[in-house]
Amino acid sequence: MSIDYNVESLEVHQKSRGKLSICAKTPIKNMYDMSVLYTPGVAEPCRHIAKDKKLAYDLTMKHNTVAIVSDGTRVLGLGDIGPEAALPVMEGKALIMQQFADIDAFPICLDEKDPDKIVEIVKAIAPNFGAINLEDISTPKVFHIESRLTKELDIPVFHDDQHGTAVVVLAGLINAIKLTKKIKTKSHKKVAAIQIESVRIGIVGSGAAGYGIAKLLHAYGFRDMVVFDSKGALHKNRTDLVDYKKDLASFTNLSDFKGKLYEFKDAEIIISAASPGALPLETLKSMKKPNIVFALANPVSEISLEQAKELEIDIFGTGRSDYPNQINNSVCFPGFLRALLDLRITKVTDKMKIAAAEGIAASLPESQLSKDKIVPDPFEPTLVENIKKAVEKKQLMAKVRQYV
């Protein structure tokens, strides 16, 4: 029996009138409590923070709070629907952070589309938060916003559409590739690195997700990648590329393929972050076996599960929670932001993202891997802690190298 999630969702939202509320950690039961928690007692933590701003992490909510910032210009598969219409999604992100990682996150939906003004607004509210999560902001301006905020803030800036999606894709590939035996396990690093370089990958869609995926896969060691936009393959000789696409063309498409997506043959892996119908049958039918396809458009994936079965795709993943292999950033962002907050990280790096991907992949033991289970779901009890431990280990190793 099919379930109409749309009807159910609307009913739930109407009944609860949103998904969030603010709860007190320390209730006020009498006038003594009032004097301690508010005036005059509250002046003392204020004095301490005035002398040392870092004490806000110890004396206020800052240590555990995340701002989820959006302008509503690229919401799910709905596009530019505005800040009010984006609010249910941001509430959902906050709810997930709270439930799975005990993070207090607040939706900040801005009625502002100018990237530099958004930067100034976020900088102005940053003292309240331990991290910034950029969400559902259109490309390419989100890259400008992320770049400036990363440089100008002393708290981490995480772009979930870009970084979170890329981390989960890499985690899924680590396990999918183990399963299909395209490479040996990570214990054979040199062999694995050589074989990773030879895996032919098509990345469909060059927005925030496609950009983030290509960058992180390259950082991990994949080399034979071709990225496609609506006009065809990105390559160095194209004269119509904006700056971030020029960046992609500078380290991908080493074979200098200049054709359209339907002409792209013999891929072993296809990762699409585009739109329904974006994957041509010619490309999918020409893939080498065993093959892996991640169709990440949401809420409607590029091809359906039924189509994937008809095409005999060996491992198929989507962003949907009602299909097997949910390659969705909800598997990443609660644990990754937990790590950023607890470890007092100020800048997000590729090494941290790779560590998070490895932590996610390791949360699903090899004995449990199957073609329908290559990533853990968000309810996996070890997931958040495994991501945090993996990022922490990477940080410690980086510090050790500084002194060796």
Protein backbone atom coordinates (compact mmCIF):
# COMPACT_ATOMS: atom_id res chain seq x y z
CA MET A 1 0.00 0.00 0.00
CA SER A 2 1.41 3.38 -1.01
CA ILE A 3 1.61 6.13 1.56
CA ASP A 4 0.84 9.75 0.75
CA TYR A 5 3.62 11.45 2.73
CA ASN A 6 2.49 14.88 1.51
CA VAL A 7 -0.96 14.64 3.10
CA GLU A 8 0.44 13.17 6.31
CA SER A 9 3.13 15.86 6.53
CA LEU A 10 0.67 18.71 6.07
CA GLU A 11 -1.60 17.27 8.77
CA VAL A 12 1.29 16.91 11.24
CA HIS A 13 2.52 20.45 10.61
CA GLN A 14 -0.97 21.88 11.01
CA LYS A 15 -1.54 19.99 14.23
CA SER A 16 1.77 20.95 15.88
CA ARG A 17 2.10 24.39 14.22
CA GLY A 18 5.75 23.79 13.49
CA LYS A 19 8.29 21.34 14.86
CA LEU A 20 10.26 23.40 17.38
CA SER A 21 9.90 25.15 20.72
CA ILE A 22 12.31 26.59 23.31
CA CYS A 23 12.63 24.75 26.63
CA ALA A 24 14.31 25.98 29.80
CA LYS A 25 17.33 24.11 31.15
CA THR A 26 16.99 25.83 34.52
CA PRO A 27 13.41 26.57 35.64
CA ILE A 28 12.54 29.60 37.76
CA LYS A 29 10.57 28.29 40.75
CA ASN A 30 10.84 31.19 43.21
CA MET A 31 12.29 34.67 43.73
CA TYR A 32 15.66 33.24 44.76
CA ASP A 33 15.92 31.51 41.37
CA MET A 34 14.88 34.75 39.71
CA SER A 35 17.73 36.58 41.45
CA VAL A 36 20.31 33.94 40.50
CA LEU A 37 19.26 33.35 36.92
CA TYR A 38 18.34 36.92 36.12
CA THR A 39 19.12 40.15 37.91
CA PRO A 40 21.20 40.75 40.00
CA GLY A 41 23.07 37.44 39.77
CA VAL A 42 23.31 37.31 35.98
CA ALA A 43 25.66 40.30 36.00
CA GLU A 44 28.53 38.10 37.21
CA PRO A 45 28.77 35.81 34.16
CA CYS A 46 28.37 38.93 32.02
CA ARG A 47 31.43 40.50 33.71
CA HIS A 48 33.50 37.38 33.13
CA ILE A 49 32.56 37.16 29.46
CA ALA A 50 33.27 40.87 28.98
CA LYS A 51 36.86 40.19 30.09
CA ASP A 52 37.23 37.02 27.98
CA LYS A 53 34.77 36.37 25.15
CA LYS A 54 35.75 32.69 25.00
CA LEU A 55 34.02 32.17 28.34
CA ALA A 56 30.71 32.44 26.46
CA TYR A 57 31.34 28.79 25.53
CA ASP A 58 31.36 27.86 29.24
CA LEU A 59 28.72 30.21 30.60
CA THR A 60 26.07 30.43 27.85
CA MET A 61 24.28 28.36 25.23
CA LYS A 62 26.95 29.24 22.62
CA HIS A 63 28.83 25.94 23.03
CA ASN A 64 25.87 23.93 21.76
CA THR A 65 24.04 26.17 19.30
CA VAL A 66 23.97 26.22 15.51
CA ALA A 67 22.39 28.81 13.22
CA ILE A 68 20.72 27.23 10.19
CA VAL A 69 20.86 30.10 7.69
CA SER A 70 18.87 30.17 4.45
CA ASP A 71 17.43 32.75 2.07
CA GLY A 72 14.98 30.24 0.58
CA THR A 73 16.41 30.49 -2.94
CA ARG A 74 17.11 26.78 -3.47
CA VAL A 75 14.87 24.68 -1.24
CA LEU A 76 14.87 20.92 -1.87
CA GLY A 77 13.64 20.43 -5.43
CA LEU A 78 11.26 23.38 -5.08
CA GLY A 79 13.64 26.20 -6.04
CA ASP A 80 13.28 29.84 -5.00
CA ILE A 81 10.23 29.71 -2.73
CA GLY A 82 11.23 32.38 -0.21
CA PRO A 83 12.20 32.44 3.47
CA GLU A 84 8.75 31.70 4.91
CA ALA A 85 8.30 28.63 2.72
CA ALA A 86 11.84 27.49 3.59
CA LEU A 87 11.08 27.52 7.31
CA PRO A 88 9.58 23.99 7.51
CA VAL A 89 12.79 22.56 6.04
CA MET A 90 15.02 24.50 8.44
CA GLU A 91 12.82 23.46 11.36
CA GLY A 92 13.27 19.87 10.21
CA LYS A 93 17.06 20.26 10.13
CA ALA A 94 16.98 21.69 13.63
CA LEU A 95 14.78 18.86 14.85
CA ILE A 96 17.18 16.26 13.43
CA MET A 97 20.17 17.95 15.07
CA GLN A 98 18.37 18.02 18.40
CA GLN A 99 17.13 14.46 18.32
CA PHE A 100 20.22 12.72 16.99
CA ALA A 101 23.05 14.88 18.35
CA ASP A 102 21.54 16.92 21.22
CA ILE A 103 22.32 20.18 19.41
CA ASP A 104 20.22 23.32 19.88
CA ALA A 105 19.78 24.67 16.36
CA PHE A 106 17.74 27.69 15.26
CA PRO A 107 16.29 28.37 11.80
CA ILE A 108 17.38 31.77 10.50
CA CYS A 109 15.41 32.35 7.29
CA LEU A 110 16.45 35.68 5.80
CA ASP A 111 14.38 38.00 3.64
CA GLU A 112 17.57 39.03 1.86
CA LYS A 113 19.19 37.73 -1.33
CA ASP A 114 22.25 39.94 -1.65
CA PRO A 115 25.25 37.72 -0.75
CA ASP A 116 27.32 40.46 0.87
CA LYS A 117 24.38 41.58 3.00
CA ILE A 118 23.78 37.98 4.04
CA VAL A 119 27.43 37.77 5.09
CA GLU A 120 27.09 40.90 7.20
CA ILE A 121 23.88 39.63 8.82
CA VAL A 122 25.45 36.29 9.72
CA LYS A 123 28.56 37.98 11.09
CA ALA A 124 26.34 40.20 13.23
CA ILE A 125 24.48 37.27 14.81
CA ALA A 126 27.51 34.96 15.06
CA PRO A 127 28.30 35.75 18.75
CA ASN A 128 25.23 33.71 19.72
CA PHE A 129 26.35 30.53 17.97
CA GLY A 130 29.05 27.87 18.04
CA ALA A 131 28.70 27.07 14.33
CA ILE A 132 26.93 28.24 11.17
CA ASN A 133 25.08 25.83 8.87
CA LEU A 134 24.34 27.36 5.45
CA GLU A 135 21.35 25.76 3.82
CA ASP A 136 19.33 25.97 0.59
CA ILE A 137 21.03 29.06 -0.83
CA SER A 138 21.37 29.21 -4.62
CA THR A 139 24.58 28.62 -6.55
CA PRO A 140 26.97 30.31 -7.19
CA LYS A 141 26.36 33.00 -4.56
CA VAL A 142 26.50 30.46 -1.74
CA PHE A 143 30.18 29.83 -2.56
CA HIS A 144 30.88 33.54 -2.10
CA ILE A 145 28.97 33.56 1.19
CA GLU A 146 30.72 30.45 2.49
CA SER A 147 34.16 31.68 1.45
CA ARG A 148 33.79 35.07 3.12
CA LEU A 149 32.27 33.70 6.32
CA THR A 150 34.95 31.02 6.60
CA LYS A 151 37.64 33.70 6.37
CA GLU A 152 35.96 36.29 8.56
CA LEU A 153 34.43 34.25 11.39
CA ASP A 154 36.12 32.43 14.27
CA ILE A 155 33.47 29.70 14.30
CA PRO A 156 33.08 26.92 11.68
CA VAL A 157 30.90 27.40 8.60
CA PHE A 158 29.35 24.22 7.23
CA HIS A 159 27.46 24.27 3.93
CA ASP A 160 25.30 21.17 4.22
CA ASP A 161 24.12 21.01 0.59
CA GLN A 162 27.77 20.97 -0.46
CA HIS A 163 29.80 19.45 2.37
CA GLY A 164 27.20 17.17 3.95
CA THR A 165 26.10 15.63 0.67
CA ALA A 166 29.70 15.06 -0.40
CA VAL A 167 30.57 13.34 2.89
CA VAL A 168 27.68 10.88 2.64
CA VAL A 169 28.40 10.19 -1.04
CA LEU A 170 32.01 9.35 -0.16
CA ALA A 171 30.88 7.15 2.74
CA GLY A 172 28.49 5.33 0.43
CA LEU A 173 31.18 4.86 -2.21
CA ILE A 174 33.69 3.51 0.33
CA ASN A 175 31.27 0.74 1.27
CA ALA A 176 29.80 0.22 -2.21
CA ILE A 177 33.27 -0.19 -3.70
CA LYS A 178 34.22 -2.67 -0.96
CA LEU A 179 31.07 -4.59 -1.75
CA THR A 180 31.66 -4.71 -5.50
CA LYS A 181 35.37 -5.46 -4.91
CA LYS A 182 36.47 -2.71 -7.25
CA ILE A 183 39.31 -2.00 -4.82
CA LYS A 184 40.79 -3.68 -1.81
CA THR A 185 40.06 -2.42 1.69
CA LYS A 186 41.74 0.67 3.13
CA SER A 187 44.41 -1.47 4.79
CA HIS A 188 46.04 -1.80 1.34
CA LYS A 189 46.41 1.91 0.80
CA LYS A 190 48.83 1.91 -2.13
CA VAL A 191 46.89 -0.68 -4.11
CA ALA A 192 43.63 1.02 -3.23
CA ALA A 193 44.93 4.41 -4.31
CA ILE A 194 46.04 3.09 -7.71
CA GLN A 195 42.73 1.37 -8.29
CA ILE A 196 40.69 4.33 -7.09
CA GLU A 197 42.42 6.49 -9.70
CA SER A 198 41.23 4.20 -12.48
CA VAL A 199 37.54 4.11 -11.49
CA ARG A 200 35.56 6.04 -14.13
CA ILE A 201 32.99 8.38 -12.57
CA GLY A 202 30.38 10.67 -14.08
CA ILE A 203 29.08 13.48 -11.86
CA VAL A 204 25.83 14.95 -13.16
CA GLY A 205 24.98 18.43 -11.93
CA SER A 206 27.51 21.14 -11.15
CA GLY A 207 25.64 23.02 -8.44
CA ALA A 208 26.62 23.06 -4.78
CA ALA A 209 26.23 19.30 -4.32
CA GLY A 210 28.02 18.35 -7.54
CA TYR A 211 30.82 20.81 -6.79
CA GLY A 212 31.25 19.52 -3.24
CA ILE A 213 31.16 15.87 -4.35
CA ALA A 214 33.79 16.38 -7.07
CA LYS A 215 36.09 18.30 -4.72
CA LEU A 216 35.90 15.74 -1.93
CA LEU A 217 36.26 12.68 -4.19
CA HIS A 218 39.34 14.31 -5.71
CA ALA A 219 40.75 14.99 -2.23
CA TYR A 220 40.16 11.32 -1.38
CA GLY A 221 42.08 10.11 -4.44
CA PHE A 222 39.61 9.58 -7.30
CA ARG A 223 40.96 10.98 -10.56
CA ASP A 224 38.96 9.76 -13.57
CA MET A 225 35.93 12.03 -13.11
CA VAL A 226 33.87 13.99 -15.63
CA VAL A 227 31.41 16.60 -14.37
CA PHE A 228 28.37 17.54 -16.47
CA ASP A 229 26.10 20.57 -16.47
CA SER A 230 23.04 21.08 -18.69
CA LYS A 231 25.27 21.87 -21.70
CA GLY A 232 27.55 18.85 -21.44
CA ALA A 233 30.93 17.96 -19.96
CA LEU A 234 32.96 20.59 -18.17
CA HIS A 235 36.36 20.91 -19.83
CA LYS A 236 39.14 23.47 -19.96
CA ASN A 237 38.31 24.68 -23.48
CA ARG A 238 34.73 25.71 -22.71
CA THR A 239 34.41 29.49 -22.82
CA ASP A 240 31.05 29.74 -21.03
CA LEU A 241 32.15 28.54 -17.58
CA VAL A 242 31.74 30.67 -14.46
CA ASP A 243 34.61 30.66 -11.97
CA TYR A 244 33.60 27.69 -9.84
CA LYS A 245 32.98 25.55 -12.95
CA LYS A 246 36.42 26.57 -14.24
CA ASP A 247 37.75 25.29 -10.93
CA LEU A 248 36.01 21.95 -11.48
CA ALA A 249 37.35 21.73 -15.05
CA SER A 250 40.88 22.34 -13.77
CA PHE A 251 41.13 19.02 -11.91
CA THR A 252 38.47 16.79 -13.53
CA ASN A 253 38.01 15.42 -17.06
CA LEU A 254 41.64 14.42 -17.54
CA SER A 255 40.55 12.55 -20.70
CA ASP A 256 39.27 15.86 -22.13
CA PHE A 257 35.83 14.47 -22.97
CA LYS A 258 33.80 17.18 -24.71
CA GLY A 259 30.49 15.47 -25.38
CA LYS A 260 27.00 15.48 -23.92
CA LEU A 261 25.93 13.25 -21.05
CA TYR A 262 24.12 10.77 -23.31
CA GLU A 263 27.43 10.25 -25.16
CA PHE A 264 29.34 9.42 -21.96
CA LYS A 265 30.09 5.69 -22.00
CA ASP A 266 31.71 2.99 -19.86
CA ALA A 267 31.31 4.70 -16.48
CA GLU A 268 31.56 2.50 -13.43
CA ILE A 269 29.97 5.05 -11.12
CA ILE A 270 27.36 7.72 -11.84
CA ILE A 271 26.51 10.30 -9.19
CA SER A 272 23.70 12.68 -10.07
CA ALA A 273 22.66 15.74 -8.10
CA ALA A 274 20.47 17.22 -10.80
CA SER A 275 16.74 16.75 -11.44
CA PRO A 276 14.22 14.02 -12.32
CA GLY A 277 14.91 12.59 -15.76
CA ALA A 278 18.48 13.92 -15.90
CA LEU A 279 20.10 10.49 -16.46
CA PRO A 280 19.91 9.33 -20.10
CA LEU A 281 19.23 5.63 -20.63
CA GLU A 282 22.11 5.50 -23.13
CA THR A 283 24.58 6.44 -20.40
CA LEU A 284 23.14 4.04 -17.83
CA LYS A 285 22.93 1.09 -20.25
CA SER A 286 26.56 1.57 -21.32
CA MET A 287 27.97 1.40 -17.76
CA LYS A 288 30.56 -1.23 -16.92
CA LYS A 289 29.60 -3.99 -14.49
CA PRO A 290 29.44 -4.06 -11.54
CA ASN A 291 28.08 -0.51 -11.47
CA ILE A 292 27.01 2.04 -8.88
CA VAL A 293 24.43 4.81 -9.39
CA PHE A 294 23.52 7.46 -6.84
CA ALA A 295 20.48 9.50 -7.98
CA LEU A 296 20.26 12.24 -5.36
CA ALA A 297 17.59 14.68 -6.60
CA ASN A 298 15.01 15.21 -3.87
CA PRO A 299 12.10 14.73 -3.37
CA VAL A 300 11.93 12.95 -6.78
CA SER A 301 15.11 11.14 -7.81
CA GLU A 302 16.53 11.18 -11.35
CA ILE A 303 15.42 7.59 -11.89
CA SER A 304 13.14 5.47 -9.73
CA LEU A 305 13.99 2.30 -7.84
CA GLU A 306 11.88 0.38 -10.34
CA GLN A 307 13.89 1.78 -13.27
CA ALA A 308 17.14 0.94 -11.50
CA LYS A 309 16.00 -2.67 -11.13
CA GLU A 310 14.98 -2.86 -14.80
CA LEU A 311 18.42 -1.55 -15.78
CA GLU A 312 20.04 -4.12 -13.46
CA ILE A 313 22.08 -1.50 -11.64
CA ASP A 314 24.14 -3.34 -9.04
CA ILE A 315 24.07 -0.74 -6.27
CA PHE A 316 21.52 2.07 -6.37
CA GLY A 317 21.20 4.89 -3.86
CA THR A 318 19.00 7.99 -3.62
CA GLY A 319 18.33 10.82 -1.20
CA ARG A 320 14.95 9.34 -0.29
CA SER A 321 14.24 7.75 3.08
CA ASP A 322 11.65 5.37 1.59
CA TYR A 323 14.19 3.72 -0.76
CA PRO A 324 17.18 1.53 0.21
CA ASN A 325 20.55 3.26 0.53
CA GLN A 326 19.56 6.75 1.60
CA ILE A 327 22.52 8.86 0.47
CA ASN A 328 21.25 11.87 2.37
CA ASN A 329 23.11 14.50 4.37
CA SER A 330 20.94 13.70 7.40
CA VAL A 331 23.38 10.83 7.96
CA CYS A 332 26.23 13.36 8.23
CA PHE A 333 25.28 16.73 9.63
CA PRO A 334 24.20 15.82 13.19
CA GLY A 335 27.46 13.99 13.95
CA PHE A 336 29.68 16.39 12.01
CA LEU A 337 28.26 19.46 13.71
CA ARG A 338 28.52 17.66 17.06
CA ALA A 339 32.23 17.20 16.31
CA LEU A 340 32.68 20.84 15.24
CA LEU A 341 31.09 22.08 18.46
CA ASP A 342 32.73 19.70 20.93
CA LEU A 343 36.20 19.99 19.41
CA ARG A 344 35.96 23.79 19.14
CA ILE A 345 36.94 23.62 15.47
CA THR A 346 37.10 26.99 13.73
CA LYS A 347 37.55 25.98 10.05
CA VAL A 348 36.15 22.99 8.15
CA THR A 349 38.75 21.13 6.06
CA ASP A 350 38.71 18.32 3.49
CA LYS A 351 40.57 16.07 5.92
CA MET A 352 37.77 16.48 8.46
CA LYS A 353 35.15 15.67 5.82
CA ILE A 354 37.05 12.57 4.71
CA ALA A 355 37.35 11.50 8.36
CA ALA A 356 33.60 11.96 8.80
CA ALA A 357 32.93 9.86 5.68
CA GLU A 358 35.16 7.09 7.01
CA GLY A 359 33.38 7.29 10.37
CA ILE A 360 30.01 6.93 8.65
CA ALA A 361 31.22 4.00 6.54
CA ALA A 362 32.68 2.26 9.60
CA SER A 363 29.35 2.58 11.43
CA LEU A 364 28.09 -0.19 9.18
CA PRO A 365 30.22 -3.35 9.76
CA GLU A 366 31.36 -5.18 6.63
CA SER A 367 29.37 -8.22 7.78
CA GLN A 368 26.20 -6.14 7.39
CA LEU A 369 27.00 -4.68 3.97
CA SER A 370 24.64 -5.57 1.16
CA LYS A 371 23.55 -4.04 -2.15
CA ASP A 372 20.59 -2.52 -0.28
CA LYS A 373 22.59 -1.38 2.77
CA ILE A 374 25.77 0.60 2.09
CA VAL A 375 25.27 3.41 4.60
CA PRO A 376 23.82 3.39 8.11
CA ASP A 377 20.55 5.19 8.68
CA PRO A 378 20.37 8.19 11.04
CA PHE A 379 19.04 5.94 13.82
CA GLU A 380 22.27 3.92 14.02
CA PRO A 381 23.23 4.43 17.71
CA THR A 382 27.00 4.58 17.07
CA LEU A 383 26.83 7.00 14.13
CA VAL A 384 27.21 10.40 15.80
CA GLU A 385 29.97 9.20 18.12
CA ASN A 386 31.84 7.45 15.29
CA ILE A 387 31.85 10.65 13.21
CA LYS A 388 33.09 12.68 16.16
CA LYS A 389 35.83 10.16 17.03
CA ALA A 390 37.01 10.01 13.42
CA VAL A 391 37.23 13.81 13.14
CA GLU A 392 38.94 14.05 16.54
CA LYS A 393 41.51 11.43 15.55
CA LYS A 394 42.25 13.33 12.35
CA GLN A 395 42.70 16.55 14.35
CA LEU A 396 45.08 14.88 16.80
CA MET A 397 47.14 13.43 13.96
CA ALA A 398 47.39 16.86 12.35
CA LYS A 399 48.63 18.36 15.63
CA VAL A 400 51.21 15.59 16.07
CA ARG A 401 52.57 16.24 12.58
CA GLN A 402 53.14 19.88 13.51
CA TYR A 403 55.62 18.86 16.18
CA VAL A 404 57.38 16.01 14.38
